Amino acid sequence: MNDTSQCFDVDAALAALEAQLAPLVAADPDAVMVGVETGGAWIAERLHARFGLTAPLGTLNISFYRDDFSTIGLHPSVGPSRIEADIDGRTVILVDDVLYTGRTVRAALNELFDYGRPAAVKLAVLVDRGARELPFAADATGLQIDIERGRQIKLTGPEPLRLEMR
């Protein structure tokens, strides 16, 4: 790691996110948790197990829904979306690793609604870094930091999870 990198405590951020989500899950134990590939899916897997949710964990591959698809193409290691639970009329907890411009959330919602019409979608993110371009806000956040454009926050994993700013 060079001196322009900074690491964050993933376990502390995950614990804070879990604490903020606990009341939402307690109020709606029938909620369906869906993680955005890849980092959001890693976080969702841990949260799903900790909360003991009965609905199967879902994952979203938003590649075809991104507005920059024509310039970045497909990520080669991401598999297809998988949502086995019926989401019609249910609360969906959408989990992502980093909330930045809001464009990933927009793409995820477009994909999610291809699977059904949820009663509500709650957004849970490990890191909210601000600087939104679209009007989205997280319902639960593990870590909130303001960093300048041009810097990147990256979650690597799945074992161990590591959160680094470059």
Foldseek 3Di string as FASTA:
>chain_A
DDPVKDWDDLVQLLVQLLVLCVVVCVVALQEAEEAEPDQRLLSSVVSCVVSVRPADYWYADLLVQAPCCVPPPHDVPDDHTDHPDQQAAHEYEYGYAEAAQCRVVVSVVVVVCVRHDHPYYAYGYSEYQDHYNDPDDHSGYSYYHHDDPPKDWDWDDVVPTIIMID
